[in-house]
Amino acid sequence: MANVSEGDSSSLQLVLERVDAARNIARYYALSIEPTLFAKHTLIRRWGRIGCLGRERLQFFKSEDVSRAQVTLETWLTRKRNRGYTPRSEPARPALLSHDSPSSLSD
């Protein structure tokens, strides 16, 4: 999988983008599997317009269902790739969740 970052051995994160200037499309979709405090795993899906906060959905899995969480992540990854999303080619950038536009930063 491209553009996967692993902070520790139990967390996983993917960031996808879909950009089409002709149709004014600039979207991101982030998928991650992270541990919880209670020995469970959570699939976190974040999506929205690039430069905005967007939305977030959490899906919890029991500790023994880690493989099911990974299969669910791969299912969402396939769905998004079929819709034209591609892995982000550069490391995650803080401006993804910022409300500042690039033009306002140069003034």
PDB file of N, CA and C in Angstrom:
ATOM      1  N   MET A   1       0.848  -1.176   0.000  1.00  0.00           N
ATOM      2  CA  MET A   1       0.000   0.000   0.000  1.00  0.00           C
ATOM      3  C   MET A   1       0.886   1.228   0.000  1.00  0.00           C
ATOM      4  N   ALA A   2       0.549   2.178  -0.827  1.00  0.00           N
ATOM      5  CA  ALA A   2       1.350   3.387  -0.937  1.00  0.00           C
ATOM      6  C   ALA A   2       0.974   4.386   0.140  1.00  0.00           C
ATOM      7  N   ASN A   3       1.945   5.178   0.538  1.00  0.00           N
ATOM      8  CA  ASN A   3       1.755   6.270   1.491  1.00  0.00           C
ATOM      9  C   ASN A   3       1.140   5.801   2.796  1.00  0.00           C
ATOM     10  N   VAL A   4       1.675   4.741   3.325  1.00  0.00           N
ATOM     11  CA  VAL A   4       1.228   4.235   4.622  1.00  0.00           C
ATOM     12  C   VAL A   4       2.225   4.705   5.652  1.00  0.00           C
ATOM     13  N   SER A   5       1.733   5.321   6.712  1.00  0.00           N
ATOM     14  CA  SER A   5       2.629   5.714   7.787  1.00  0.00           C
ATOM     15  C   SER A   5       2.243   4.943   9.035  1.00  0.00           C
ATOM     16  N   GLU A   6       3.245   4.427   9.711  1.00  0.00           N
ATOM     17  CA  GLU A   6       2.998   3.677  10.931  1.00  0.00           C
ATOM     18  C   GLU A   6       3.749   4.341  12.067  1.00  0.00           C
ATOM     19  N   GLY A   7       3.010   4.937  13.011  1.00  0.00           N
ATOM     20  CA  GLY A   7       3.615   5.577  14.169  1.00  0.00           C
ATOM     21  C   GLY A   7       4.196   4.544  15.114  1.00  0.00           C
ATOM     22  N   ASP A   8       3.448   3.497  15.400  1.00  0.00           N
ATOM     23  CA  ASP A   8       3.939   2.355  16.160  1.00  0.00           C
ATOM     24  C   ASP A   8       3.431   1.112  15.452  1.00  0.00           C
ATOM     25  N   SER A   9       3.713  -0.032  16.023  1.00  0.00           N
ATOM     26  CA  SER A   9       3.372  -1.273  15.331  1.00  0.00           C
ATOM     27  C   SER A   9       1.873  -1.527  15.261  1.00  0.00           C
ATOM     28  N   SER A  10       1.075  -0.820  16.077  1.00  0.00           N
ATOM     29  CA  SER A  10      -0.354  -1.109  16.107  1.00  0.00           C
ATOM     30  C   SER A  10      -1.201  -0.050  15.417  1.00  0.00           C
ATOM     31  N   SER A  11      -0.613   0.995  14.849  1.00  0.00           N
ATOM     32  CA  SER A  11      -1.418   1.990  14.149  1.00  0.00           C
ATOM     33  C   SER A  11      -1.005   2.050  12.676  1.00  0.00           C
ATOM     34  N   LEU A  12      -1.962   2.423  11.849  1.00  0.00           N
ATOM     35  CA  LEU A  12      -1.774   2.437  10.407  1.00  0.00           C
ATOM     36  C   LEU A  12      -2.560   3.607   9.841  1.00  0.00           C
ATOM     37  N   GLN A  13      -1.997   4.357   8.887  1.00  0.00           N
ATOM     38  CA  GLN A  13      -2.718   5.479   8.304  1.00  0.00           C
ATOM     39  C   GLN A  13      -2.444   5.589   6.808  1.00  0.00           C
ATOM     40  N   LEU A  14      -3.522   5.809   6.031  1.00  0.00           N
ATOM     41  CA  LEU A  14      -3.457   6.038   4.582  1.00  0.00           C
ATOM     42  C   LEU A  14      -4.142   7.352   4.273  1.00  0.00           C
ATOM     43  N   VAL A  15      -3.592   8.119   3.343  1.00  0.00           N
ATOM     44  CA  VAL A  15      -4.229   9.358   2.916  1.00  0.00           C
ATOM     45  C   VAL A  15      -4.366   9.318   1.400  1.00  0.00           C
ATOM     46  N   LEU A  16      -5.590   9.510   0.909  1.00  0.00           N
ATOM     47  CA  LEU A  16      -5.898   9.512  -0.516  1.00  0.00           C
ATOM     48  C   LEU A  16      -6.408  10.888  -0.910  1.00  0.00           C
ATOM     49  N   GLU A  17      -6.205  11.244  -2.176  1.00  0.00           N
ATOM     50  CA  GLU A  17      -6.701  12.516  -2.690  1.00  0.00           C
ATOM     51  C   GLU A  17      -7.372  12.318  -4.033  1.00  0.00           C
ATOM     52  N   ARG A  18      -8.308  13.198  -4.310  1.00  0.00           N
ATOM     53  CA  ARG A  18      -8.953  13.235  -5.622  1.00  0.00           C
ATOM     54  C   ARG A  18      -9.033  14.699  -6.028  1.00  0.00           C
ATOM     55  N   VAL A  19      -8.272  15.073  -7.061  1.00  0.00           N
ATOM     56  CA  VAL A  19      -8.207  16.465  -7.503  1.00  0.00           C
ATOM     57  C   VAL A  19      -8.498  16.525  -8.988  1.00  0.00           C
ATOM     58  N   ASP A  20      -9.464  17.364  -9.346  1.00  0.00           N
ATOM     59  CA  ASP A  20      -9.807  17.614 -10.742  1.00  0.00           C
ATOM     60  C   ASP A  20     -10.179  19.088 -10.850  1.00  0.00           C
ATOM     61  N   ALA A  21      -9.224  19.908 -11.298  1.00  0.00           N
ATOM     62  CA  ALA A  21      -9.430  21.354 -11.354  1.00  0.00           C
ATOM     63  C   ALA A  21     -10.564  21.740 -12.306  1.00  0.00           C
ATOM     64  N   ALA A  22     -10.731  21.013 -13.382  1.00  0.00           N
ATOM     65  CA  ALA A  22     -11.785  21.326 -14.356  1.00  0.00           C
ATOM     66  C   ALA A  22     -13.181  21.182 -13.741  1.00  0.00           C
ATOM     67  N   ARG A  23     -13.331  20.269 -12.800  1.00  0.00           N
ATOM     68  CA  ARG A  23     -14.630  20.042 -12.160  1.00  0.00           C
ATOM     69  C   ARG A  23     -14.688  20.604 -10.740  1.00  0.00           C
ATOM     70  N   ASN A  24     -13.644  21.373 -10.348  1.00  0.00           N
ATOM     71  CA  ASN A  24     -13.553  21.986  -9.015  1.00  0.00           C
ATOM     72  C   ASN A  24     -13.640  20.932  -7.902  1.00  0.00           C
ATOM     73  N   ILE A  25     -12.948  19.812  -8.108  1.00  0.00           N
ATOM     74  CA  ILE A  25     -12.917  18.744  -7.109  1.00  0.00           C
ATOM     75  C   ILE A  25     -11.540  18.741  -6.443  1.00  0.00           C
ATOM     76  N   ALA A  26     -11.549  18.833  -5.131  1.00  0.00           N
ATOM     77  CA  ALA A  26     -10.315  18.742  -4.344  1.00  0.00           C
ATOM     78  C   ALA A  26     -10.689  18.095  -3.020  1.00  0.00           C
ATOM     79  N   ARG A  27     -10.612  16.783  -2.960  1.00  0.00           N
ATOM     80  CA  ARG A  27     -11.076  16.032  -1.796  1.00  0.00           C
ATOM     81  C   ARG A  27      -9.970  15.159  -1.242  1.00  0.00           C
ATOM     82  N   TYR A  28     -10.095  14.859   0.035  1.00  0.00           N
ATOM     83  CA  TYR A  28      -9.175  13.913   0.660  1.00  0.00           C
ATOM     84  C   TYR A  28      -9.980  12.841   1.375  1.00  0.00           C
ATOM     85  N   TYR A  29      -9.359  11.707   1.602  1.00  0.00           N
ATOM     86  CA  TYR A  29      -9.976  10.611   2.340  1.00  0.00           C
ATOM     87  C   TYR A  29      -8.858   9.939   3.116  1.00  0.00           C
ATOM     88  N   ALA A  30      -8.958   9.923   4.415  1.00  0.00           N
ATOM     89  CA  ALA A  30      -7.928   9.322   5.263  1.00  0.00           C
ATOM     90  C   ALA A  30      -8.508   8.107   5.974  1.00  0.00           C
ATOM     91  N   LEU A  31      -7.751   7.029   5.973  1.00  0.00           N
ATOM     92  CA  LEU A  31      -8.135   5.792   6.648  1.00  0.00           C
ATOM     93  C   LEU A  31      -7.043   5.438   7.649  1.00  0.00           C
ATOM     94  N   SER A  32      -7.438   5.083   8.857  1.00  0.00           N
ATOM     95  CA  SER A  32      -6.436   4.647   9.824  1.00  0.00           C
ATOM     96  C   SER A  32      -7.035   3.615  10.767  1.00  0.00           C
ATOM     97  N   ILE A  33      -6.174   2.740  11.242  1.00  0.00           N
ATOM     98  CA  ILE A  33      -6.533   1.784  12.285  1.00  0.00           C
ATOM     99  C   ILE A  33      -5.674   2.142  13.483  1.00  0.00           C
ATOM    100  N   GLU A  34      -6.349   2.428  14.608  1.00  0.00           N
ATOM    101  CA  GLU A  34      -5.638   2.839  15.809  1.00  0.00           C
ATOM    102  C   GLU A  34      -6.154   2.070  17.018  1.00  0.00           C
ATOM    103  N   PRO A  35      -5.276   1.819  17.988  1.00  0.00           N
ATOM    104  CA  PRO A  35      -5.718   1.118  19.200  1.00  0.00           C
ATOM    105  C   PRO A  35      -6.496   2.069  20.110  1.00  0.00           C
ATOM    106  N   THR A  36      -7.355   1.505  20.947  1.00  0.00           N
ATOM    107  CA  THR A  36      -8.061   2.287  21.956  1.00  0.00           C
ATOM    108  C   THR A  36      -7.484   1.950  23.321  1.00  0.00           C
ATOM    109  N   LEU A  37      -7.977   2.594  24.347  1.00  0.00           N
ATOM    110  CA  LEU A  37      -7.490   2.335  25.700  1.00  0.00           C
ATOM    111  C   LEU A  37      -7.954   0.987  26.241  1.00  0.00           C
ATOM    112  N   PHE A  38      -8.969   0.417  25.642  1.00  0.00           N
ATOM    113  CA  PHE A  38      -9.563  -0.801  26.174  1.00  0.00           C
ATOM    114  C   PHE A  38      -9.249  -2.034  25.330  1.00  0.00           C
ATOM    115  N   ALA A  39      -8.061  -2.091  24.758  1.00  0.00           N
ATOM    116  CA  ALA A  39      -7.570  -3.233  23.990  1.00  0.00           C
ATOM    117  C   ALA A  39      -8.460  -3.548  22.795  1.00  0.00           C
ATOM    118  N   LYS A  40      -9.013  -2.515  22.201  1.00  0.00           N
ATOM    119  CA  LYS A  40      -9.792  -2.679  20.978  1.00  0.00           C
ATOM    120  C   LYS A  40      -9.085  -1.917  19.866  1.00  0.00           C
ATOM    121  N   HIS A  41      -9.583  -2.080  18.661  1.00  0.00           N
ATOM    122  CA  HIS A  41      -9.037  -1.344  17.527  1.00  0.00           C
ATOM    123  C   HIS A  41     -10.163  -0.542  16.888  1.00  0.00           C
ATOM    124  N   THR A  42      -9.813   0.612  16.343  1.00  0.00           N
ATOM    125  CA  THR A  42     -10.791   1.495  15.739  1.00  0.00           C
ATOM    126  C   THR A  42     -10.366   1.818  14.316  1.00  0.00           C
ATOM    127  N   LEU A  43     -11.286   1.645  13.372  1.00  0.00           N
ATOM    128  CA  LEU A  43     -11.075   2.114  12.006  1.00  0.00           C
ATOM    129  C   LEU A  43     -11.617   3.530  11.969  1.00  0.00           C
ATOM    130  N   ILE A  44     -10.742   4.482  11.660  1.00  0.00           N
ATOM    131  CA  ILE A  44     -11.133   5.889  11.600  1.00  0.00           C
ATOM    132  C   ILE A  44     -11.100   6.315  10.147  1.00  0.00           C
ATOM    133  N   ARG A  45     -12.234   6.851   9.682  1.00  0.00           N
ATOM    134  CA  ARG A  45     -12.328   7.375   8.320  1.00  0.00           C
ATOM    135  C   ARG A  45     -12.573   8.870   8.410  1.00  0.00           C
ATOM    136  N   ARG A  46     -11.732   9.660   7.734  1.00  0.00           N
ATOM    137  CA  ARG A  46     -11.884  11.118   7.679  1.00  0.00           C
ATOM    138  C   ARG A  46     -11.966  11.512   6.219  1.00  0.00           C
ATOM    139  N   TRP A  47     -12.868  12.431   5.906  1.00  0.00           N
ATOM    140  CA  TRP A  47     -12.995  12.863   4.524  1.00  0.00           C
ATOM    141  C   TRP A  47     -13.515  14.286   4.464  1.00  0.00           C
ATOM    142  N   GLY A  48     -13.271  14.929   3.317  1.00  0.00           N
ATOM    143  CA  GLY A  48     -13.763  16.287   3.112  1.00  0.00           C
ATOM    144  C   GLY A  48     -13.004  16.968   1.997  1.00  0.00           C
ATOM    145  N   ARG A  49     -13.237  18.254   1.875  1.00  0.00           N
ATOM    146  CA  ARG A  49     -12.550  19.065   0.886  1.00  0.00           C
ATOM    147  C   ARG A  49     -11.157  19.403   1.408  1.00  0.00           C
ATOM    148  N   ILE A  50     -10.160  19.366   0.560  1.00  0.00           N
ATOM    149  CA  ILE A  50      -8.792  19.679   0.962  1.00  0.00           C
ATOM    150  C   ILE A  50      -8.770  21.110   1.500  1.00  0.00           C
ATOM    151  N   GLY A  51      -8.181  21.277   2.676  1.00  0.00           N
ATOM    152  CA  GLY A  51      -8.117  22.575   3.320  1.00  0.00           C
ATOM    153  C   GLY A  51      -9.204  22.793   4.356  1.00  0.00           C
ATOM    154  N   CYS A  52     -10.128  21.841   4.483  1.00  0.00           N
ATOM    155  CA  CYS A  52     -11.221  21.944   5.455  1.00  0.00           C
ATOM    156  C   CYS A  52     -11.160  20.766   6.431  1.00  0.00           C
ATOM    157  N   LEU A  53     -11.842  20.913   7.554  1.00  0.00           N
ATOM    158  CA  LEU A  53     -11.861  19.839   8.546  1.00  0.00           C
ATOM    159  C   LEU A  53     -12.573  18.595   8.055  1.00  0.00           C
ATOM    160  N   GLY A  54     -13.708  18.731   7.437  1.00  0.00           N
ATOM    161  CA  GLY A  54     -14.419  17.571   6.917  1.00  0.00           C
ATOM    162  C   GLY A  54     -15.147  16.805   8.002  1.00  0.00           C
ATOM    163  N   ARG A  55     -15.345  15.522   7.761  1.00  0.00           N
ATOM    164  CA  ARG A  55     -16.102  14.649   8.665  1.00  0.00           C
ATOM    165  C   ARG A  55     -15.249  13.484   9.120  1.00  0.00           C
ATOM    166  N   GLU A  56     -15.771  12.781  10.134  1.00  0.00           N
ATOM    167  CA  GLU A  56     -15.048  11.640  10.682  1.00  0.00           C
ATOM    168  C   GLU A  56     -16.053  10.578  11.121  1.00  0.00           C
ATOM    169  N   ARG A  57     -15.706   9.328  10.865  1.00  0.00           N
ATOM    170  CA  ARG A  57     -16.557   8.202  11.278  1.00  0.00           C
ATOM    171  C   ARG A  57     -15.659   7.161  11.936  1.00  0.00           C
ATOM    172  N   LEU A  58     -16.077   6.648  13.091  1.00  0.00           N
ATOM    173  CA  LEU A  58     -15.319   5.641  13.818  1.00  0.00           C
ATOM    174  C   LEU A  58     -16.060   4.314  13.777  1.00  0.00           C
ATOM    175  N   GLN A  59     -15.293   3.232  13.609  1.00  0.00           N
ATOM    176  CA  GLN A  59     -15.864   1.886  13.643  1.00  0.00           C
ATOM    177  C   GLN A  59     -14.987   1.048  14.566  1.00  0.00           C
ATOM    178  N   PHE A  60     -15.589   0.520  15.630  1.00  0.00           N
ATOM    179  CA  PHE A  60     -14.841  -0.203  16.657  1.00  0.00           C
ATOM    180  C   PHE A  60     -14.839  -1.704  16.393  1.00  0.00           C
ATOM    181  N   PHE A  61     -13.686  -2.332  16.715  1.00  0.00           N
ATOM    182  CA  PHE A  61     -13.512  -3.772  16.562  1.00  0.00           C
ATOM    183  C   PHE A  61     -12.936  -4.320  17.856  1.00  0.00           C
ATOM    184  N   LYS A  62     -13.330  -5.529  18.233  1.00  0.00           N
ATOM    185  CA  LYS A  62     -12.766  -6.184  19.409  1.00  0.00           C
ATOM    186  C   LYS A  62     -11.301  -6.491  19.152  1.00  0.00           C
ATOM    187  N   SER A  63     -10.557  -6.712  20.199  1.00  0.00           N
ATOM    188  CA  SER A  63      -9.118  -6.940  20.051  1.00  0.00           C
ATOM    189  C   SER A  63      -8.802  -8.146  19.179  1.00  0.00           C
ATOM    190  N   GLU A  64      -9.667  -9.167  19.193  1.00  0.00           N
ATOM    191  CA  GLU A  64      -9.406 -10.344  18.361  1.00  0.00           C
ATOM    192  C   GLU A  64      -9.837 -10.147  16.908  1.00  0.00           C
ATOM    193  N   ASP A  65     -10.481  -9.026  16.602  1.00  0.00           N
ATOM    194  CA  ASP A  65     -10.961  -8.747  15.241  1.00  0.00           C
ATOM    195  C   ASP A  65     -10.052  -7.805  14.456  1.00  0.00           C
ATOM    196  N   VAL A  66      -8.768  -7.810  14.755  1.00  0.00           N
ATOM    197  CA  VAL A  66      -7.834  -6.926  14.049  1.00  0.00           C
ATOM    198  C   VAL A  66      -7.831  -7.222  12.556  1.00  0.00           C
ATOM    199  N   SER A  67      -7.868  -8.480  12.186  1.00  0.00           N
ATOM    200  CA  SER A  67      -7.865  -8.837  10.764  1.00  0.00           C
ATOM    201  C   SER A  67      -9.140  -8.338  10.084  1.00  0.00           C
ATOM    202  N   ARG A  68     -10.265  -8.360  10.797  1.00  0.00           N
ATOM    203  CA  ARG A  68     -11.510  -7.835  10.232  1.00  0.00           C
ATOM    204  C   ARG A  68     -11.418  -6.320  10.020  1.00  0.00           C
ATOM    205  N   ALA A  69     -10.744  -5.631  10.927  1.00  0.00           N
ATOM    206  CA  ALA A  69     -10.529  -4.183  10.766  1.00  0.00           C
ATOM    207  C   ALA A  69      -9.677  -3.913   9.535  1.00  0.00           C
ATOM    208  N   GLN A  70      -8.652  -4.724   9.314  1.00  0.00           N
ATOM    209  CA  GLN A  70      -7.786  -4.546   8.146  1.00  0.00           C
ATOM    210  C   GLN A  70      -8.538  -4.834   6.856  1.00  0.00           C
ATOM    211  N   VAL A  71      -9.393  -5.851   6.855  1.00  0.00           N
ATOM    212  CA  VAL A  71     -10.197  -6.164   5.670  1.00  0.00           C
ATOM    213  C   VAL A  71     -11.159  -5.021   5.374  1.00  0.00           C
ATOM    214  N   THR A  72     -11.753  -4.450   6.404  1.00  0.00           N
ATOM    215  CA  THR A  72     -12.662  -3.317   6.224  1.00  0.00           C
ATOM    216  C   THR A  72     -11.917  -2.116   5.655  1.00  0.00           C
ATOM    217  N   LEU A  73     -10.706  -1.847   6.166  1.00  0.00           N
ATOM    218  CA  LEU A  73      -9.884  -0.758   5.624  1.00  0.00           C
ATOM    219  C   LEU A  73      -9.588  -1.001   4.150  1.00  0.00           C
ATOM    220  N   GLU A  74      -9.204  -2.211   3.795  1.00  0.00           N
ATOM    221  CA  GLU A  74      -8.893  -2.524   2.404  1.00  0.00           C
ATOM    222  C   GLU A  74     -10.127  -2.405   1.509  1.00  0.00           C
ATOM    223  N   THR A  75     -11.302  -2.733   2.047  1.00  0.00           N
ATOM    224  CA  THR A  75     -12.541  -2.581   1.287  1.00  0.00           C
ATOM    225  C   THR A  75     -12.803  -1.110   0.976  1.00  0.00           C
ATOM    226  N   TRP A  76     -12.655  -0.241   1.997  1.00  0.00           N
ATOM    227  CA  TRP A  76     -12.839   1.198   1.761  1.00  0.00           C
ATOM    228  C   TRP A  76     -11.779   1.740   0.807  1.00  0.00           C
ATOM    229  N   LEU A  77     -10.549   1.249   0.925  1.00  0.00           N
ATOM    230  CA  LEU A  77      -9.480   1.682   0.028  1.00  0.00           C
ATOM    231  C   LEU A  77      -9.822   1.343  -1.419  1.00  0.00           C
ATOM    232  N   THR A  78     -10.318   0.136  -1.668  1.00  0.00           N
ATOM    233  CA  THR A  78     -10.713  -0.276  -3.022  1.00  0.00           C
ATOM    234  C   THR A  78     -11.852   0.585  -3.543  1.00  0.00           C
ATOM    235  N   ARG A  79     -12.844   0.845  -2.703  1.00  0.00           N
ATOM    236  CA  ARG A  79     -13.970   1.698  -3.113  1.00  0.00           C
ATOM    237  C   ARG A  79     -13.498   3.079  -3.532  1.00  0.00           C
ATOM    238  N   LYS A  80     -12.615   3.667  -2.751  1.00  0.00           N
ATOM    239  CA  LYS A  80     -12.148   5.024  -3.047  1.00  0.00           C
ATOM    240  C   LYS A  80     -11.252   5.048  -4.282  1.00  0.00           C
ATOM    241  N   ARG A  81     -10.422   4.045  -4.463  1.00  0.00           N
ATOM    242  CA  ARG A  81      -9.593   3.989  -5.679  1.00  0.00           C
ATOM    243  C   ARG A  81     -10.461   3.840  -6.922  1.00  0.00           C
ATOM    244  N   ASN A  82     -11.552   3.082  -6.823  1.00  0.00           N
ATOM    245  CA  ASN A  82     -12.469   2.944  -7.952  1.00  0.00           C
ATOM    246  C   ASN A  82     -13.165   4.260  -8.289  1.00  0.00           C
ATOM    247  N   ARG A  83     -13.261   5.161  -7.312  1.00  0.00           N
ATOM    248  CA  ARG A  83     -13.885   6.465  -7.539  1.00  0.00           C
ATOM    249  C   ARG A  83     -12.873   7.537  -7.938  1.00  0.00           C
ATOM    250  N   GLY A  84     -11.619   7.159  -8.151  1.00  0.00           N
ATOM    251  CA  GLY A  84     -10.631   8.105  -8.653  1.00  0.00           C
ATOM    252  C   GLY A  84      -9.675   8.667  -7.622  1.00  0.00           C
ATOM    253  N   TYR A  85      -9.741   8.214  -6.384  1.00  0.00           N
ATOM    254  CA  TYR A  85      -8.794   8.672  -5.366  1.00  0.00           C
ATOM    255  C   TYR A  85      -7.460   7.983  -5.571  1.00  0.00           C
ATOM    256  N   THR A  86      -6.378   8.732  -5.346  1.00  0.00           N
ATOM    257  CA  THR A  86      -5.029   8.179  -5.461  1.00  0.00           C
ATOM    258  C   THR A  86      -4.270   8.472  -4.172  1.00  0.00           C
ATOM    259  N   PRO A  87      -3.292   7.634  -3.835  1.00  0.00           N
ATOM    260  CA  PRO A  87      -2.499   7.904  -2.629  1.00  0.00           C
ATOM    261  C   PRO A  87      -1.780   9.239  -2.746  1.00  0.00           C
ATOM    262  N   ARG A  88      -1.726   9.968  -1.665  1.00  0.00           N
ATOM    263  CA  ARG A  88      -1.013  11.243  -1.652  1.00  0.00           C
ATOM    264  C   ARG A  88       0.461  10.959  -1.896  1.00  0.00           C
ATOM    265  N   SER A  89       1.069  11.727  -2.777  1.00  0.00           N
ATOM    266  CA  SER A  89       2.448  11.462  -3.166  1.00  0.00           C
ATOM    267  C   SER A  89       3.461  12.075  -2.210  1.00  0.00           C
ATOM    268  N   GLU A  90       3.038  12.954  -1.341  1.00  0.00           N
ATOM    269  CA  GLU A  90       3.942  13.600  -0.397  1.00  0.00           C
ATOM    270  C   GLU A  90       3.493  13.274   1.022  1.00  0.00           C
ATOM    271  N   PRO A  91       4.351  13.520   2.004  1.00  0.00           N
ATOM    272  CA  PRO A  91       3.956  13.242   3.390  1.00  0.00           C
ATOM    273  C   PRO A  91       2.758  14.095   3.799  1.00  0.00           C
ATOM    274  N   ALA A  92       2.050  13.654   4.818  1.00  0.00           N
ATOM    275  CA  ALA A  92       0.883  14.395   5.303  1.00  0.00           C
ATOM    276  C   ALA A  92       1.291  15.814   5.653  1.00  0.00           C
ATOM    277  N   ARG A  93       0.459  16.765   5.291  1.00  0.00           N
ATOM    278  CA  ARG A  93       0.773  18.164   5.550  1.00  0.00           C
ATOM    279  C   ARG A  93      -0.226  18.746   6.534  1.00  0.00           C
ATOM    280  N   PRO A  94       0.245  19.588   7.429  1.00  0.00           N
ATOM    281  CA  PRO A  94      -0.652  20.162   8.425  1.00  0.00           C
ATOM    282  C   PRO A  94      -1.749  21.027   7.814  1.00  0.00           C
ATOM    283  N   ALA A  95      -1.527  21.597   6.634  1.00  0.00           N
ATOM    284  CA  ALA A  95      -2.516  22.471   5.999  1.00  0.00           C
ATOM    285  C   ALA A  95      -3.784  21.717   5.612  1.00  0.00           C
ATOM    286  N   LEU A  96      -3.756  20.390   5.652  1.00  0.00           N
ATOM    287  CA  LEU A  96      -4.929  19.602   5.308  1.00  0.00           C
ATOM    288  C   LEU A  96      -6.109  19.961   6.205  1.00  0.00           C
ATOM    289  N   LEU A  97      -5.850  20.218   7.467  1.00  0.00           N
ATOM    290  CA  LEU A  97      -6.913  20.532   8.400  1.00  0.00           C
ATOM    291  C   LEU A  97      -6.964  22.013   8.747  1.00  0.00           C
ATOM    292  N   SER A  98      -6.196  22.812   8.076  1.00  0.00           N
ATOM    293  CA  SER A  98      -6.153  24.241   8.334  1.00  0.00           C
ATOM    294  C   SER A  98      -7.208  24.973   7.521  1.00  0.00           C
ATOM    295  N   HIS A  99      -7.683  26.068   8.051  1.00  0.00           N
ATOM    296  CA  HIS A  99      -8.654  26.881   7.320  1.00  0.00           C
ATOM    297  C   HIS A  99      -7.969  27.955   6.484  1.00  0.00           C
ATOM    298  N   ASP A 100      -6.644  28.055   6.570  1.00  0.00           N
ATOM    299  CA  ASP A 100      -5.901  29.044   5.798  1.00  0.00           C
ATOM    300  C   ASP A 100      -5.666  28.541   4.388  1.00  0.00           C
ATOM    301  N   SER A 101      -5.843  29.419   3.427  1.00  0.00           N
ATOM    302  CA  SER A 101      -5.538  29.051   2.051  1.00  0.00           C
ATOM    303  C   SER A 101      -4.082  29.378   1.780  1.00  0.00           C
ATOM    304  N   PRO A 102      -3.451  28.718   0.794  1.00  0.00           N
ATOM    305  CA  PRO A 102      -2.041  28.978   0.504  1.00  0.00           C
ATOM    306  C   PRO A 102      -1.793  30.428   0.109  1.00  0.00           C
ATOM    307  N   SER A 103      -2.752  31.087  -0.538  1.00  0.00           N
ATOM    308  CA  SER A 103      -2.548  32.467  -0.962  1.00  0.00           C
ATOM    309  C   SER A 103      -2.512  33.423   0.215  1.00  0.00           C
ATOM    310  N   SER A 104      -3.246  33.122   1.301  1.00  0.00           N
ATOM    311  CA  SER A 104      -3.259  34.003   2.454  1.00  0.00           C
ATOM    312  C   SER A 104      -1.982  33.868   3.281  1.00  0.00           C
ATOM    313  N   LEU A 105      -1.265  32.752   3.127  1.00  0.00           N
ATOM    314  CA  LEU A 105      -0.034  32.553   3.868  1.00  0.00           C
ATOM    315  C   LEU A 105       1.125  33.355   3.280  1.00  0.00           C
ATOM    316  N   SER A 106       1.071  33.715   2.021  1.00  0.00           N
ATOM    317  CA  SER A 106       2.176  34.420   1.396  1.00  0.00           C
ATOM    318  C   SER A 106       2.055  35.929   1.555  1.00  0.00           C
ATOM    319  N   ASP A 107       0.941  36.434   2.049  1.00  0.00           N
ATOM    320  CA  ASP A 107       0.763  37.890   2.224  1.00  0.00           C
ATOM    321  C   ASP A 107       1.447  38.397   3.447  1.00  0.00           C
TER     322      ASP A 107
END
